[in-house]
Amino acid sequence: MRKYVCRSFLKHFGLLLFLYGLCIVSVTPAFAQTGPPKKGIQPLRSDVGINGFTANFHGLSSFTNLENDTLHTNGSANLEIVFHDVRMMSQRLGVGFQVLGSFYTNSNPGHSQFGIKGWGAGPMVRVYPFFTNRFQPYAQAEALFGDNMGVGKLATTANRGKGFRVRLGMRAGFAYRIINNFGLFVEGGPDWESGALFKADARAWQLNIGFDIYRFK
């Protein structure tokens, strides 16, 4: 089973890299033409908006009770695509929201599938502890509320991550601004998820790589 999951993972990971490259090539010339006339990297003032895009894969191990009281393991790789919009309140603090779309890749022998798995949306808060312009470490707290988001290893077999879900997460990361309006970021941290607040029945570690578009007034 792992061989099939890995093969599907590599296939869709290659597609993801291609989409990243295509987006970077398409947006960079526009920034070069429409960017502000000031030279250099400008600081994140209170009127700056940050639009970001990231995607990640993670494995989902769900268990289904059979009639003879045994457990059947269903291994799949999930692709999560996340868009976030952060508005800087000051040079160090930003608040905003994020929207998630989740897709599944079930690569069990004879049952290969790909389709929409779930969705989610929720608030986020980002803190930049240092006054830096090009290389910017940050910490982030976020929450998602949605349907059928099941993440990581489930601690219970009751719902297998289906239905209404609440996901809380913490991130530590850094962004690197290549030009004034465009940069890349890498972030990672834990997620806790369940069908109700503060009762986690699923946990996972996320590692995200993506790009940001900086909007100056």
N, C-alpha and C. Protein backbone atom coordinates (compact mmCIF):
# COMPACT_ATOMS: atom_id res chain seq x y z
N MET A 1 0.83 -1.20 0.00
CA MET A 1 0.00 0.00 0.00
C MET A 1 0.86 1.25 0.00
N ARG A 2 1.97 1.22 0.77
CA ARG A 2 2.83 2.39 0.84
C ARG A 2 3.43 2.71 -0.51
N LYS A 3 3.74 1.67 -1.30
CA LYS A 3 4.31 1.90 -2.62
C LYS A 3 3.36 2.67 -3.49
N TYR A 4 2.07 2.33 -3.47
CA TYR A 4 1.09 3.03 -4.29
C TYR A 4 0.89 4.47 -3.80
N VAL A 5 0.86 4.67 -2.48
CA VAL A 5 0.69 6.01 -1.94
C VAL A 5 1.86 6.90 -2.31
N CYS A 6 3.09 6.37 -2.20
CA CYS A 6 4.28 7.15 -2.54
C CYS A 6 4.30 7.51 -4.02
N ARG A 7 3.90 6.57 -4.86
CA ARG A 7 3.88 6.84 -6.29
C ARG A 7 2.90 7.97 -6.62
N SER A 8 1.72 7.94 -6.01
CA SER A 8 0.74 8.98 -6.24
C SER A 8 1.21 10.31 -5.66
N PHE A 9 1.88 10.24 -4.49
CA PHE A 9 2.43 11.44 -3.87
C PHE A 9 3.42 12.14 -4.80
N LEU A 10 4.36 11.38 -5.36
CA LEU A 10 5.36 11.97 -6.24
C LEU A 10 4.72 12.54 -7.49
N LYS A 11 3.70 11.88 -8.01
CA LYS A 11 3.01 12.36 -9.21
C LYS A 11 2.39 13.73 -8.98
N HIS A 12 1.65 13.88 -7.89
CA HIS A 12 0.97 15.15 -7.63
C HIS A 12 1.93 16.20 -7.09
N PHE A 13 3.02 15.78 -6.44
CA PHE A 13 4.02 16.73 -5.98
C PHE A 13 4.71 17.39 -7.17
N GLY A 14 4.97 16.61 -8.23
CA GLY A 14 5.55 17.18 -9.44
C GLY A 14 4.62 18.19 -10.08
N LEU A 15 3.32 17.87 -10.10
CA LEU A 15 2.33 18.82 -10.63
C LEU A 15 2.31 20.08 -9.80
N LEU A 16 2.43 19.95 -8.49
CA LEU A 16 2.43 21.11 -7.61
C LEU A 16 3.63 22.01 -7.87
N LEU A 17 4.81 21.42 -8.05
CA LEU A 17 6.00 22.21 -8.35
C LEU A 17 5.85 22.96 -9.67
N PHE A 18 5.24 22.30 -10.66
CA PHE A 18 5.01 22.95 -11.95
C PHE A 18 4.10 24.16 -11.79
N LEU A 19 3.03 24.02 -10.99
CA LEU A 19 2.11 25.13 -10.78
C LEU A 19 2.79 26.28 -10.06
N TYR A 20 3.66 25.97 -9.08
CA TYR A 20 4.42 27.01 -8.39
C TYR A 20 5.27 27.80 -9.38
N GLY A 21 6.00 27.07 -10.23
CA GLY A 21 6.86 27.73 -11.21
C GLY A 21 6.07 28.58 -12.17
N LEU A 22 4.93 28.08 -12.60
CA LEU A 22 4.08 28.83 -13.53
C LEU A 22 3.57 30.12 -12.89
N CYS A 23 3.17 30.04 -11.62
CA CYS A 23 2.68 31.24 -10.94
C CYS A 23 3.78 32.28 -10.78
N ILE A 24 4.99 31.83 -10.42
CA ILE A 24 6.10 32.76 -10.22
C ILE A 24 6.46 33.45 -11.52
N VAL A 25 6.52 32.69 -12.62
CA VAL A 25 6.87 33.26 -13.92
C VAL A 25 5.82 34.26 -14.38
N SER A 26 4.54 33.97 -14.08
CA SER A 26 3.46 34.83 -14.57
C SER A 26 3.32 36.12 -13.78
N VAL A 27 3.65 36.10 -12.47
CA VAL A 27 3.42 37.30 -11.66
C VAL A 27 4.63 38.21 -11.60
N THR A 28 5.83 37.70 -11.76
CA THR A 28 7.03 38.52 -11.60
C THR A 28 7.10 39.66 -12.62
N PRO A 29 6.84 39.45 -13.94
CA PRO A 29 6.87 40.59 -14.86
C PRO A 29 5.87 41.67 -14.51
N ALA A 30 4.70 41.27 -14.02
CA ALA A 30 3.69 42.27 -13.65
C ALA A 30 4.18 43.13 -12.51
N PHE A 31 4.86 42.51 -11.53
CA PHE A 31 5.39 43.28 -10.42
C PHE A 31 6.46 44.25 -10.88
N ALA A 32 7.27 43.82 -11.85
CA ALA A 32 8.34 44.68 -12.33
C ALA A 32 7.79 45.93 -13.01
N GLN A 33 6.58 45.82 -13.58
CA GLN A 33 5.99 46.95 -14.29
C GLN A 33 5.13 47.83 -13.40
N THR A 34 4.43 47.20 -12.43
CA THR A 34 3.46 47.95 -11.63
C THR A 34 3.92 48.23 -10.22
N GLY A 35 5.10 47.80 -9.83
CA GLY A 35 5.58 48.01 -8.48
C GLY A 35 5.81 49.48 -8.19
N PRO A 36 5.94 49.84 -6.90
CA PRO A 36 6.15 51.24 -6.54
C PRO A 36 7.49 51.74 -7.04
N PRO A 37 7.61 53.02 -7.32
CA PRO A 37 8.82 53.55 -7.88
C PRO A 37 10.00 53.56 -6.92
N LYS A 38 9.75 53.44 -5.62
CA LYS A 38 10.84 53.45 -4.65
C LYS A 38 11.72 52.22 -4.83
N LYS A 39 13.02 52.42 -4.64
CA LYS A 39 13.96 51.32 -4.77
C LYS A 39 14.09 50.59 -3.44
N GLY A 40 14.53 49.33 -3.53
CA GLY A 40 14.76 48.57 -2.33
C GLY A 40 13.51 47.93 -1.78
N ILE A 41 13.65 47.27 -0.65
CA ILE A 41 12.55 46.57 0.02
C ILE A 41 11.95 47.49 1.06
N GLN A 42 10.67 47.79 0.92
CA GLN A 42 10.00 48.68 1.85
C GLN A 42 9.55 47.92 3.10
N PRO A 43 9.46 48.60 4.24
CA PRO A 43 8.99 47.95 5.47
C PRO A 43 7.50 47.64 5.41
N LEU A 44 7.06 46.72 6.24
CA LEU A 44 5.64 46.35 6.31
C LEU A 44 4.92 47.37 7.18
N ARG A 45 4.33 48.37 6.55
CA ARG A 45 3.61 49.40 7.29
C ARG A 45 2.20 48.89 7.61
N SER A 46 1.42 49.76 8.25
CA SER A 46 0.07 49.35 8.66
C SER A 46 -0.91 49.29 7.49
N ASP A 47 -0.50 49.73 6.30
CA ASP A 47 -1.42 49.69 5.15
C ASP A 47 -1.04 48.59 4.15
N VAL A 48 -0.24 47.64 4.57
CA VAL A 48 0.23 46.58 3.67
C VAL A 48 -0.67 45.35 3.81
N GLY A 49 -1.07 44.80 2.67
CA GLY A 49 -1.82 43.55 2.65
C GLY A 49 -0.94 42.45 2.08
N ILE A 50 -1.05 41.25 2.64
CA ILE A 50 -0.23 40.12 2.20
C ILE A 50 -1.16 39.00 1.76
N ASN A 51 -1.13 38.65 0.49
CA ASN A 51 -1.87 37.50 -0.03
C ASN A 51 -0.90 36.36 -0.27
N GLY A 52 -1.19 35.21 0.28
CA GLY A 52 -0.28 34.07 0.17
C GLY A 52 -0.97 32.82 -0.31
N PHE A 53 -0.18 31.94 -0.88
CA PHE A 53 -0.67 30.65 -1.38
C PHE A 53 0.32 29.57 -0.98
N THR A 54 -0.20 28.47 -0.46
CA THR A 54 0.66 27.34 -0.13
C THR A 54 -0.11 26.04 -0.35
N ALA A 55 0.61 24.97 -0.44
CA ALA A 55 0.00 23.64 -0.57
C ALA A 55 0.89 22.63 0.12
N ASN A 56 0.30 21.61 0.71
CA ASN A 56 1.08 20.58 1.37
C ASN A 56 0.39 19.23 1.26
N PHE A 57 1.20 18.20 1.38
CA PHE A 57 0.70 16.83 1.42
C PHE A 57 0.84 16.30 2.84
N HIS A 58 -0.09 15.49 3.25
CA HIS A 58 0.08 14.73 4.49
C HIS A 58 -0.69 13.43 4.39
N GLY A 59 -0.21 12.43 5.10
CA GLY A 59 -0.87 11.14 5.09
C GLY A 59 -2.01 11.10 6.09
N LEU A 60 -3.06 10.41 5.75
CA LEU A 60 -4.21 10.24 6.65
C LEU A 60 -4.41 8.75 6.88
N SER A 61 -4.33 8.35 8.14
CA SER A 61 -4.56 6.96 8.50
C SER A 61 -5.91 6.86 9.20
N SER A 62 -6.89 6.34 8.52
CA SER A 62 -8.21 6.17 9.11
C SER A 62 -8.52 4.69 9.26
N PHE A 63 -9.35 4.38 10.22
CA PHE A 63 -9.65 3.00 10.53
C PHE A 63 -11.16 2.80 10.52
N THR A 64 -11.60 1.71 9.89
CA THR A 64 -13.01 1.40 9.80
C THR A 64 -13.29 0.08 10.50
N ASN A 65 -14.23 0.07 11.42
CA ASN A 65 -14.60 -1.16 12.11
C ASN A 65 -15.38 -2.07 11.19
N LEU A 66 -14.95 -3.31 11.06
CA LEU A 66 -15.66 -4.29 10.26
C LEU A 66 -16.59 -5.11 11.16
N GLU A 67 -17.41 -5.95 10.54
CA GLU A 67 -18.41 -6.71 11.31
C GLU A 67 -17.77 -7.70 12.27
N ASN A 68 -16.56 -8.16 11.96
CA ASN A 68 -15.92 -9.14 12.85
C ASN A 68 -15.02 -8.45 13.88
N ASP A 69 -15.24 -7.13 14.11
CA ASP A 69 -14.53 -6.35 15.12
C ASP A 69 -13.05 -6.17 14.81
N THR A 70 -12.64 -6.38 13.58
CA THR A 70 -11.27 -6.08 13.20
C THR A 70 -11.21 -4.68 12.60
N LEU A 71 -10.03 -4.19 12.38
CA LEU A 71 -9.84 -2.85 11.84
C LEU A 71 -9.26 -2.93 10.44
N HIS A 72 -9.82 -2.15 9.53
CA HIS A 72 -9.31 -2.05 8.17
C HIS A 72 -8.66 -0.68 8.01
N THR A 73 -7.38 -0.66 7.65
CA THR A 73 -6.64 0.59 7.52
C THR A 73 -6.77 1.12 6.11
N ASN A 74 -7.12 2.39 6.00
CA ASN A 74 -7.24 3.04 4.70
C ASN A 74 -6.19 4.14 4.62
N GLY A 75 -5.11 3.90 3.87
CA GLY A 75 -4.05 4.88 3.74
C GLY A 75 -4.25 5.76 2.53
N SER A 76 -4.15 7.07 2.70
CA SER A 76 -4.32 7.99 1.59
C SER A 76 -3.43 9.20 1.80
N ALA A 77 -3.15 9.91 0.71
CA ALA A 77 -2.38 11.15 0.77
C ALA A 77 -3.32 12.30 0.43
N ASN A 78 -3.34 13.30 1.28
CA ASN A 78 -4.22 14.44 1.09
C ASN A 78 -3.43 15.65 0.63
N LEU A 79 -3.96 16.36 -0.35
CA LEU A 79 -3.38 17.61 -0.83
C LEU A 79 -4.25 18.75 -0.33
N GLU A 80 -3.66 19.65 0.47
CA GLU A 80 -4.38 20.80 0.99
C GLU A 80 -3.82 22.07 0.36
N ILE A 81 -4.69 22.86 -0.24
CA ILE A 81 -4.32 24.14 -0.84
C ILE A 81 -4.92 25.25 0.02
N VAL A 82 -4.07 26.20 0.43
CA VAL A 82 -4.50 27.24 1.37
C VAL A 82 -4.18 28.62 0.78
N PHE A 83 -5.16 29.50 0.83
CA PHE A 83 -4.98 30.91 0.48
C PHE A 83 -5.18 31.73 1.74
N HIS A 84 -4.27 32.69 2.01
CA HIS A 84 -4.45 33.55 3.17
C HIS A 84 -4.34 35.02 2.78
N ASP A 85 -5.03 35.85 3.53
CA ASP A 85 -5.04 37.29 3.34
C ASP A 85 -4.78 37.94 4.69
N VAL A 86 -3.62 38.58 4.82
CA VAL A 86 -3.20 39.19 6.09
C VAL A 86 -3.10 40.69 5.89
N ARG A 87 -3.67 41.45 6.80
CA ARG A 87 -3.56 42.91 6.79
C ARG A 87 -2.71 43.33 7.98
N MET A 88 -1.62 44.07 7.70
CA MET A 88 -0.73 44.51 8.76
C MET A 88 -1.37 45.64 9.56
N MET A 89 -1.48 45.45 10.89
CA MET A 89 -1.96 46.48 11.78
C MET A 89 -0.84 47.41 12.20
N SER A 90 0.38 46.89 12.23
CA SER A 90 1.60 47.64 12.49
C SER A 90 2.72 46.90 11.78
N GLN A 91 3.97 47.35 11.97
CA GLN A 91 5.06 46.68 11.29
C GLN A 91 5.31 45.29 11.83
N ARG A 92 4.80 44.99 13.02
CA ARG A 92 5.04 43.69 13.64
C ARG A 92 3.81 42.80 13.75
N LEU A 93 2.62 43.33 13.61
CA LEU A 93 1.39 42.56 13.86
C LEU A 93 0.48 42.59 12.65
N GLY A 94 0.00 41.41 12.24
CA GLY A 94 -0.95 41.30 11.16
C GLY A 94 -2.09 40.36 11.52
N VAL A 95 -3.30 40.65 11.05
CA VAL A 95 -4.45 39.79 11.28
C VAL A 95 -5.13 39.54 9.93
N GLY A 96 -5.81 38.43 9.81
CA GLY A 96 -6.47 38.13 8.55
C GLY A 96 -7.24 36.82 8.60
N PHE A 97 -7.39 36.20 7.45
CA PHE A 97 -8.15 34.96 7.35
C PHE A 97 -7.48 34.05 6.33
N GLN A 98 -7.88 32.79 6.35
CA GLN A 98 -7.39 31.82 5.39
C GLN A 98 -8.53 30.91 4.93
N VAL A 99 -8.39 30.39 3.72
CA VAL A 99 -9.38 29.48 3.14
C VAL A 99 -8.65 28.24 2.66
N LEU A 100 -9.19 27.08 2.99
CA LEU A 100 -8.55 25.80 2.68
C LEU A 100 -9.45 24.94 1.79
N GLY A 101 -8.84 24.33 0.79
CA GLY A 101 -9.49 23.30 0.00
C GLY A 101 -8.69 22.02 0.09
N SER A 102 -9.33 20.91 0.39
CA SER A 102 -8.65 19.64 0.61
C SER A 102 -9.04 18.64 -0.46
N PHE A 103 -8.04 17.94 -1.00
CA PHE A 103 -8.26 16.93 -2.04
C PHE A 103 -7.61 15.62 -1.59
N TYR A 104 -8.23 14.50 -1.91
CA TYR A 104 -7.71 13.22 -1.47
C TYR A 104 -7.15 12.43 -2.66
N THR A 105 -6.16 11.62 -2.35
CA THR A 105 -5.60 10.67 -3.31
C THR A 105 -5.58 9.31 -2.64
N ASN A 106 -6.53 8.48 -2.97
CA ASN A 106 -6.61 7.14 -2.41
C ASN A 106 -5.97 6.17 -3.38
N SER A 107 -4.83 5.61 -3.01
CA SER A 107 -4.06 4.80 -3.94
C SER A 107 -4.00 3.34 -3.53
N ASN A 108 -5.06 2.84 -2.93
CA ASN A 108 -5.11 1.42 -2.66
C ASN A 108 -5.19 0.63 -3.97
N PRO A 109 -4.58 -0.52 -4.06
CA PRO A 109 -4.58 -1.30 -5.31
C PRO A 109 -6.00 -1.53 -5.83
N GLY A 110 -6.22 -1.11 -7.08
CA GLY A 110 -7.52 -1.29 -7.70
C GLY A 110 -8.55 -0.24 -7.34
N HIS A 111 -8.18 0.71 -6.49
CA HIS A 111 -9.14 1.73 -6.06
C HIS A 111 -8.50 3.11 -6.06
N SER A 112 -7.71 3.43 -7.06
CA SER A 112 -7.07 4.74 -7.14
C SER A 112 -8.11 5.81 -7.43
N GLN A 113 -8.09 6.87 -6.63
CA GLN A 113 -9.08 7.94 -6.76
C GLN A 113 -8.42 9.28 -6.49
N PHE A 114 -9.04 10.33 -7.02
CA PHE A 114 -8.64 11.70 -6.72
C PHE A 114 -9.88 12.57 -6.78
N GLY A 115 -10.10 13.37 -5.75
CA GLY A 115 -11.29 14.19 -5.75
C GLY A 115 -11.30 15.16 -4.59
N ILE A 116 -12.36 15.95 -4.48
CA ILE A 116 -12.50 16.93 -3.42
C ILE A 116 -12.81 16.21 -2.11
N LYS A 117 -12.08 16.57 -1.05
CA LYS A 117 -12.26 15.93 0.24
C LYS A 117 -13.02 16.82 1.22
N GLY A 118 -12.62 18.07 1.35
CA GLY A 118 -13.27 18.95 2.31
C GLY A 118 -12.85 20.39 2.11
N TRP A 119 -13.29 21.26 3.02
CA TRP A 119 -12.99 22.68 2.93
C TRP A 119 -12.98 23.26 4.33
N GLY A 120 -12.42 24.48 4.44
CA GLY A 120 -12.40 25.16 5.72
C GLY A 120 -12.03 26.63 5.56
N ALA A 121 -12.35 27.43 6.56
CA ALA A 121 -12.00 28.84 6.59
C ALA A 121 -11.91 29.29 8.03
N GLY A 122 -11.10 30.31 8.28
CA GLY A 122 -10.98 30.80 9.64
C GLY A 122 -9.97 31.91 9.78
N PRO A 123 -9.85 32.48 11.00
CA PRO A 123 -8.97 33.62 11.25
C PRO A 123 -7.52 33.21 11.49
N MET A 124 -6.63 34.17 11.41
CA MET A 124 -5.22 33.96 11.71
C MET A 124 -4.61 35.26 12.23
N VAL A 125 -3.58 35.11 13.08
CA VAL A 125 -2.84 36.23 13.64
C VAL A 125 -1.36 35.96 13.43
N ARG A 126 -0.64 36.93 12.89
CA ARG A 126 0.79 36.77 12.59
C ARG A 126 1.59 37.85 13.29
N VAL A 127 2.73 37.46 13.89
CA VAL A 127 3.60 38.39 14.61
C VAL A 127 5.00 38.30 14.02
N TYR A 128 5.56 39.46 13.67
CA TYR A 128 6.95 39.57 13.22
C TYR A 128 7.77 40.14 14.38
N PRO A 129 8.60 39.35 15.05
CA PRO A 129 9.31 39.85 16.25
C PRO A 129 10.44 40.81 15.95
N PHE A 130 10.95 40.85 14.71
CA PHE A 130 12.09 41.69 14.39
C PHE A 130 11.73 42.72 13.33
N PHE A 131 12.34 43.89 13.42
CA PHE A 131 12.15 44.93 12.41
C PHE A 131 13.09 44.67 11.24
N THR A 132 12.71 43.76 10.38
CA THR A 132 13.50 43.44 9.19
C THR A 132 12.60 43.57 7.96
N ASN A 133 13.21 43.80 6.82
CA ASN A 133 12.44 44.05 5.61
C ASN A 133 12.51 42.91 4.59
N ARG A 134 13.69 42.38 4.34
CA ARG A 134 13.83 41.33 3.32
C ARG A 134 13.65 39.94 3.93
N PHE A 135 14.40 39.62 4.96
CA PHE A 135 14.30 38.32 5.64
C PHE A 135 13.47 38.50 6.90
N GLN A 136 12.31 37.86 6.97
CA GLN A 136 11.33 38.17 8.01
C GLN A 136 10.84 36.91 8.74
N PRO A 137 11.45 36.55 9.86
CA PRO A 137 10.91 35.47 10.70
C PRO A 137 9.56 35.89 11.30
N TYR A 138 8.69 34.91 11.54
CA TYR A 138 7.39 35.23 12.13
C TYR A 138 6.83 34.04 12.89
N ALA A 139 5.87 34.32 13.76
CA ALA A 139 5.08 33.30 14.46
C ALA A 139 3.62 33.54 14.13
N GLN A 140 2.84 32.45 14.10
CA GLN A 140 1.47 32.56 13.63
C GLN A 140 0.55 31.62 14.39
N ALA A 141 -0.63 32.10 14.74
CA ALA A 141 -1.69 31.27 15.32
C ALA A 141 -2.87 31.31 14.36
N GLU A 142 -3.53 30.16 14.18
CA GLU A 142 -4.59 30.09 13.18
C GLU A 142 -5.66 29.10 13.60
N ALA A 143 -6.83 29.25 13.01
CA ALA A 143 -7.95 28.34 13.26
C ALA A 143 -8.71 28.13 11.96
N LEU A 144 -9.23 26.92 11.78
CA LEU A 144 -10.04 26.59 10.61
C LEU A 144 -11.33 25.93 11.08
N PHE A 145 -12.42 26.30 10.45
CA PHE A 145 -13.73 25.70 10.71
C PHE A 145 -14.26 25.22 9.36
N GLY A 146 -14.58 23.93 9.26
CA GLY A 146 -15.01 23.43 7.97
C GLY A 146 -15.58 22.03 8.03
N ASP A 147 -15.59 21.39 6.89
CA ASP A 147 -16.22 20.08 6.75
C ASP A 147 -15.22 19.06 6.22
N ASN A 148 -15.18 17.89 6.88
CA ASN A 148 -14.42 16.74 6.37
C ASN A 148 -12.95 17.07 6.13
N MET A 149 -12.31 17.71 7.11
CA MET A 149 -10.92 18.10 6.95
C MET A 149 -9.94 17.08 7.49
N GLY A 150 -10.38 16.05 8.18
CA GLY A 150 -9.58 15.07 8.88
C GLY A 150 -8.09 15.07 8.57
N VAL A 151 -7.25 15.28 9.57
CA VAL A 151 -5.81 15.45 9.36
C VAL A 151 -5.04 14.44 10.19
N GLY A 152 -3.92 13.96 9.64
CA GLY A 152 -2.98 13.15 10.40
C GLY A 152 -3.54 11.82 10.87
N LYS A 153 -3.07 11.40 12.05
CA LYS A 153 -3.51 10.14 12.64
C LYS A 153 -4.68 10.39 13.57
N LEU A 154 -5.79 9.73 13.29
CA LEU A 154 -6.99 9.91 14.09
C LEU A 154 -6.88 9.10 15.38
N ALA A 155 -7.25 9.71 16.50
CA ALA A 155 -7.20 9.02 17.78
C ALA A 155 -8.47 8.24 18.07
N THR A 156 -9.51 8.42 17.26
CA THR A 156 -10.75 7.70 17.46
C THR A 156 -11.27 7.21 16.11
N THR A 157 -12.00 6.12 16.12
CA THR A 157 -12.58 5.59 14.89
C THR A 157 -14.04 5.99 14.73
N ALA A 158 -14.52 6.88 15.61
CA ALA A 158 -15.95 7.19 15.62
C ALA A 158 -16.39 7.90 14.35
N ASN A 159 -15.66 8.94 13.92
CA ASN A 159 -16.13 9.70 12.75
C ASN A 159 -15.09 9.76 11.64
N ARG A 160 -13.88 9.35 11.89
CA ARG A 160 -12.80 9.30 10.88
C ARG A 160 -12.61 10.66 10.20
N GLY A 161 -12.78 11.74 10.93
CA GLY A 161 -12.52 13.07 10.41
C GLY A 161 -13.59 13.63 9.52
N LYS A 162 -14.77 13.02 9.49
CA LYS A 162 -15.83 13.50 8.61
C LYS A 162 -16.76 14.46 9.33
N GLY A 163 -17.54 15.21 8.55
CA GLY A 163 -18.47 16.16 9.13
C GLY A 163 -17.79 17.45 9.57
N PHE A 164 -18.47 18.22 10.43
CA PHE A 164 -17.94 19.49 10.90
C PHE A 164 -16.67 19.27 11.72
N ARG A 165 -15.62 20.07 11.41
CA ARG A 165 -14.35 19.93 12.10
C ARG A 165 -13.82 21.30 12.50
N VAL A 166 -13.07 21.32 13.60
CA VAL A 166 -12.38 22.51 14.08
C VAL A 166 -10.89 22.18 14.15
N ARG A 167 -10.06 23.01 13.51
CA ARG A 167 -8.61 22.78 13.51
C ARG A 167 -7.90 24.02 14.05
N LEU A 168 -7.09 23.83 15.07
CA LEU A 168 -6.26 24.89 15.64
C LEU A 168 -4.80 24.60 15.30
N GLY A 169 -4.04 25.64 14.98
CA GLY A 169 -2.66 25.42 14.59
C GLY A 169 -1.73 26.53 15.03
N MET A 170 -0.47 26.18 15.19
CA MET A 170 0.60 27.13 15.49
C MET A 170 1.68 26.96 14.44
N ARG A 171 2.27 28.10 14.01
CA ARG A 171 3.30 28.07 12.99
C ARG A 171 4.48 28.95 13.39
N ALA A 172 5.66 28.48 13.04
CA ALA A 172 6.88 29.28 13.08
C ALA A 172 7.47 29.24 11.68
N GLY A 173 7.84 30.39 11.15
CA GLY A 173 8.34 30.38 9.78
C GLY A 173 9.16 31.62 9.48
N PHE A 174 9.57 31.71 8.23
CA PHE A 174 10.25 32.91 7.77
C PHE A 174 9.90 33.16 6.32
N ALA A 175 9.83 34.42 5.97
CA ALA A 175 9.56 34.85 4.61
C ALA A 175 10.80 35.55 4.06
N TYR A 176 11.04 35.39 2.77
CA TYR A 176 12.14 36.07 2.09
C TYR A 176 11.57 36.82 0.90
N ARG A 177 11.67 38.13 0.94
CA ARG A 177 11.11 38.96 -0.13
C ARG A 177 12.14 39.13 -1.24
N ILE A 178 11.88 38.51 -2.38
CA ILE A 178 12.79 38.57 -3.51
C ILE A 178 12.80 39.97 -4.11
N ILE A 179 11.62 40.52 -4.31
CA ILE A 179 11.46 41.92 -4.69
C ILE A 179 10.46 42.53 -3.73
N ASN A 180 10.17 43.80 -3.90
CA ASN A 180 9.33 44.50 -2.94
C ASN A 180 7.94 43.88 -2.81
N ASN A 181 7.37 43.40 -3.91
CA ASN A 181 5.99 42.91 -3.90
C ASN A 181 5.86 41.39 -3.92
N PHE A 182 6.95 40.67 -3.91
CA PHE A 182 6.87 39.22 -4.05
C PHE A 182 7.93 38.53 -3.21
N GLY A 183 7.53 37.44 -2.52
CA GLY A 183 8.47 36.69 -1.71
C GLY A 183 8.04 35.26 -1.51
N LEU A 184 8.94 34.46 -0.98
CA LEU A 184 8.68 33.06 -0.66
C LEU A 184 8.68 32.88 0.85
N PHE A 185 7.98 31.85 1.33
CA PHE A 185 8.00 31.57 2.76
C PHE A 185 8.02 30.07 3.02
N VAL A 186 8.55 29.72 4.18
CA VAL A 186 8.56 28.36 4.70
C VAL A 186 8.09 28.41 6.14
N GLU A 187 7.15 27.55 6.50
CA GLU A 187 6.62 27.54 7.86
C GLU A 187 6.27 26.12 8.28
N GLY A 188 6.26 25.89 9.58
CA GLY A 188 5.91 24.57 10.08
C GLY A 188 5.37 24.67 11.49
N GLY A 189 4.62 23.64 11.90
CA GLY A 189 4.09 23.62 13.24
C GLY A 189 3.00 22.58 13.41
N PRO A 190 2.49 22.42 14.63
CA PRO A 190 1.49 21.39 14.92
C PRO A 190 0.07 21.85 14.64
N ASP A 191 -0.80 20.88 14.37
CA ASP A 191 -2.24 21.09 14.24
C ASP A 191 -2.98 20.15 15.19
N TRP A 192 -4.07 20.64 15.74
CA TRP A 192 -4.97 19.83 16.54
C TRP A 192 -6.37 19.97 15.95
N GLU A 193 -7.06 18.85 15.77
CA GLU A 193 -8.35 18.91 15.11
C GLU A 193 -9.36 17.99 15.78
N SER A 194 -10.63 18.40 15.75
CA SER A 194 -11.69 17.57 16.31
C SER A 194 -13.03 18.08 15.82
N GLY A 195 -14.10 17.41 16.28
CA GLY A 195 -15.44 17.84 15.95
C GLY A 195 -15.99 18.87 16.91
N ALA A 196 -15.21 19.27 17.91
CA ALA A 196 -15.61 20.28 18.88
C ALA A 196 -14.37 20.98 19.40
N LEU A 197 -14.53 22.19 19.92
CA LEU A 197 -13.39 22.95 20.42
C LEU A 197 -12.74 22.25 21.61
N PHE A 198 -11.40 22.27 21.62
CA PHE A 198 -10.59 21.80 22.75
C PHE A 198 -10.77 20.31 23.06
N LYS A 199 -11.18 19.52 22.08
CA LYS A 199 -11.29 18.07 22.26
C LYS A 199 -10.65 17.39 21.06
N ALA A 200 -9.34 17.51 20.95
CA ALA A 200 -8.63 17.04 19.76
C ALA A 200 -8.69 15.52 19.66
N ASP A 201 -9.13 15.03 18.49
CA ASP A 201 -9.07 13.59 18.21
C ASP A 201 -8.17 13.29 17.01
N ALA A 202 -7.48 14.31 16.50
CA ALA A 202 -6.52 14.12 15.41
C ALA A 202 -5.41 15.15 15.56
N ARG A 203 -4.19 14.72 15.26
CA ARG A 203 -3.04 15.60 15.39
C ARG A 203 -2.10 15.38 14.21
N ALA A 204 -1.37 16.44 13.85
CA ALA A 204 -0.42 16.32 12.75
C ALA A 204 0.58 17.47 12.81
N TRP A 205 1.72 17.28 12.14
CA TRP A 205 2.70 18.33 11.95
C TRP A 205 2.68 18.74 10.49
N GLN A 206 2.65 20.03 10.25
CA GLN A 206 2.59 20.55 8.89
C GLN A 206 3.91 21.26 8.55
N LEU A 207 4.31 21.14 7.29
CA LEU A 207 5.44 21.89 6.75
C LEU A 207 4.97 22.49 5.43
N ASN A 208 4.88 23.81 5.37
CA ASN A 208 4.34 24.51 4.21
C ASN A 208 5.40 25.34 3.51
N ILE A 209 5.37 25.33 2.19
CA ILE A 209 6.21 26.18 1.36
C ILE A 209 5.29 26.90 0.38
N GLY A 210 5.43 28.21 0.26
CA GLY A 210 4.54 28.95 -0.60
C GLY A 210 5.10 30.30 -1.00
N PHE A 211 4.25 31.15 -1.58
CA PHE A 211 4.69 32.48 -1.95
C PHE A 211 3.68 33.52 -1.48
N ASP A 212 4.18 34.75 -1.26
CA ASP A 212 3.37 35.87 -0.80
C ASP A 212 3.41 37.00 -1.84
N ILE A 213 2.29 37.68 -1.97
CA ILE A 213 2.20 38.90 -2.77
C ILE A 213 1.91 40.04 -1.81
N TYR A 214 2.76 41.07 -1.82
CA TYR A 214 2.65 42.21 -0.90
C TYR A 214 1.97 43.37 -1.63
N ARG A 215 0.88 43.85 -1.07
CA ARG A 215 0.09 44.91 -1.69
C ARG A 215 0.26 46.21 -0.90
N PHE A 216 0.89 47.21 -1.54
CA PHE A 216 1.09 48.51 -0.93
C PHE A 216 0.08 49.50 -1.51
N LYS A 217 -0.45 50.39 -0.67
CA LYS A 217 -1.37 51.42 -1.16
C LYS A 217 -0.57 52.55 -1.83
